[in-house]
Structures are given as C-alpha cells and as structure tokens.
Amino acid sequence: MSKSEIPVQEIGELMDTVSEKIPKMLRNVMSSFYSAESGREVGKSIGGLYQELVAAGIPEADALAMAKDYLSSISSMFNNAVKSGVQQGATHGGRGQSSAADEQTDADED
C-alpha cells in the first residue's frame, strides 16, 4: 500500500468491531455503577463530602445542597457518557442498541 492509499476496508472493520464492543462495555460499566456495592461507595463519598463541608464551617443546609449538586453532577456525567457511547455505536450499523438477545449473550459470556 502506498502512502496515499487509505485502508478503507480495514477502517470499516475496525469501526464495526468498536461499535460492537463499546455498547457492551458501557452496559457492563453501567451495571457495576448501579450495583449495591457501588451504591454504598457513592453514599460514603457523598457523606464524607458533606461531613468535610460542615467541618469546614459551611452551614448544614448549604453543605447538603452542595453534596446533592455533586451527586447530580456525577450522575449527569455518567449518563451523558453512556448515552454518547450508545449513540456512537448506533451510527455504525445500528449496533449501539441492546436487545434481549444481546443481553442474554452477554450473560452467557460471564
């Protein structure tokens, strides 16, 4: 292949592979994010933030609002990342959408 040739077929195959794997990876990350253990860790993190704010002299009502805003920000960032990944997968052959068959296959692989 010369320097001016673009490996279109290889790029297409790579995009197909990526569009298949990213949605599955995001589903796995999402399920771990919403696990009971993850919930406990998020609770500890938010509770620790609240306690540190109060210990630093922030009024309790303000500290609570700040902790809620922090949790909301984390949730929004995560949800946006997941939506973006699924949408990107959908633009490459519609593979970003999960189906019951995909989820069963994913479960079988675990």
Protein backbone atom coordinates (compact mmCIF):
# COMPACT_ATOMS: atom_id res chain seq x y z
CA MET A 1 0.00 0.00 0.00
CA SER A 2 1.35 3.42 -0.90
CA LYS A 3 1.35 6.41 1.42
CA SER A 4 -1.63 7.96 -0.40
CA GLU A 5 -3.93 4.92 -0.09
CA ILE A 6 -6.42 4.89 2.77
CA PRO A 7 -7.16 1.41 4.16
CA VAL A 8 -10.94 1.84 3.86
CA GLN A 9 -11.77 -1.82 4.39
CA GLU A 10 -9.58 -2.09 7.49
CA ILE A 11 -11.01 1.12 8.91
CA GLY A 12 -14.53 -0.15 8.28
CA GLU A 13 -13.75 -3.44 10.02
CA LEU A 14 -12.23 -1.58 12.95
CA MET A 15 -15.32 0.65 13.24
CA ASP A 16 -17.58 -2.42 13.16
CA THR A 17 -15.59 -4.03 15.95
CA VAL A 18 -15.53 -0.87 18.05
CA SER A 19 -19.26 -0.27 17.56
CA GLU A 20 -19.95 -3.81 18.80
CA LYS A 21 -17.70 -3.66 21.83
CA ILE A 22 -18.29 -0.15 23.21
CA PRO A 23 -22.02 -0.55 23.94
CA LYS A 24 -21.35 -3.87 25.71
CA MET A 25 -18.55 -2.28 27.72
CA LEU A 26 -20.79 0.65 28.67
CA ARG A 27 -23.58 -1.72 29.76
CA ASN A 28 -21.08 -3.56 31.97
CA VAL A 29 -19.78 -0.31 33.44
CA MET A 30 -23.31 0.90 33.99
CA SER A 31 -24.34 -2.29 35.77
CA SER A 32 -21.31 -2.04 38.05
CA PHE A 33 -22.07 1.64 38.72
CA TYR A 34 -25.57 0.75 39.87
CA SER A 35 -24.59 -2.27 41.98
CA ALA A 36 -25.26 -2.40 45.73
CA GLU A 37 -21.53 -2.14 46.45
CA SER A 38 -21.18 0.88 44.20
CA GLY A 39 -24.17 2.49 45.88
CA ARG A 40 -22.52 2.07 49.27
CA GLU A 41 -19.29 3.61 47.97
CA VAL A 42 -21.12 6.58 46.44
CA GLY A 43 -23.01 7.04 49.70
CA LYS A 44 -19.74 7.06 51.66
CA SER A 45 -18.24 9.54 49.22
CA ILE A 46 -21.19 11.93 49.34
CA GLY A 47 -21.49 11.56 53.12
CA GLY A 48 -17.79 12.26 53.50
CA LEU A 49 -18.08 15.36 51.34
CA TYR A 50 -20.99 16.61 53.43
CA GLN A 51 -19.11 16.00 56.70
CA GLU A 52 -16.00 17.76 55.42
CA LEU A 53 -18.02 20.76 54.31
CA VAL A 54 -19.76 21.04 57.68
CA ALA A 55 -16.42 20.58 59.49
CA ALA A 56 -15.02 23.42 57.38
CA GLY A 57 -17.74 25.73 58.68
CA ILE A 58 -20.24 25.53 55.80
CA PRO A 59 -23.82 25.74 57.13
CA GLU A 60 -25.55 22.33 57.11
CA ALA A 61 -28.23 23.40 54.63
CA ASP A 62 -25.59 24.71 52.22
CA ALA A 63 -23.42 21.60 52.67
CA LEU A 64 -26.43 19.39 51.92
CA ALA A 65 -27.22 21.38 48.77
CA MET A 66 -23.58 21.15 47.67
CA ALA A 67 -23.50 17.38 48.26
CA LYS A 68 -26.73 16.95 46.27
CA ASP A 69 -25.31 19.06 43.43
CA TYR A 70 -22.14 16.96 43.44
CA LEU A 71 -24.12 13.71 43.21
CA SER A 72 -26.27 15.18 40.46
CA SER A 73 -23.17 16.25 38.52
CA ILE A 74 -21.60 12.80 38.78
CA SER A 75 -24.84 11.14 37.66
CA SER A 76 -25.23 13.52 34.72
CA MET A 77 -21.66 12.99 33.54
CA PHE A 78 -22.04 9.22 33.71
CA ASN A 79 -25.42 9.23 31.96
CA ASN A 80 -24.12 11.53 29.21
CA ALA A 81 -21.10 9.30 28.65
CA VAL A 82 -23.31 6.23 28.38
CA LYS A 83 -25.76 7.93 26.01
CA SER A 84 -22.91 9.22 23.87
CA GLY A 85 -21.34 5.78 23.62
CA VAL A 86 -24.62 4.11 22.72
CA GLN A 87 -25.42 6.78 20.12
CA GLN A 88 -21.97 6.43 18.57
CA GLY A 89 -22.47 2.69 18.37
CA ALA A 90 -25.85 3.23 16.74
CA THR A 91 -24.32 5.35 13.98
CA HIS A 92 -22.15 2.42 12.88
CA GLY A 93 -24.65 -0.13 11.65
CA GLY A 94 -27.18 0.24 14.45
CA ARG A 95 -25.14 -1.86 16.83
CA GLY A 96 -25.45 0.60 19.72
CA GLN A 97 -28.88 -0.67 20.60
CA SER A 98 -29.08 -3.58 23.02
CA SER A 99 -31.67 -6.27 22.65
CA ALA A 100 -32.82 -9.10 24.86
CA ALA A 101 -30.71 -11.44 22.71
CA ASP A 102 -27.62 -9.24 23.24
CA GLU A 103 -28.19 -9.18 26.96
CA GLN A 104 -28.63 -12.96 27.07
CA THR A 105 -25.42 -13.39 25.07
CA ASP A 106 -23.64 -11.02 27.47
CA ALA A 107 -24.93 -13.01 30.44
CA ASP A 108 -23.81 -16.27 28.83
CA GLU A 109 -20.29 -14.89 28.32
CA ASP A 110 -19.98 -14.06 32.03
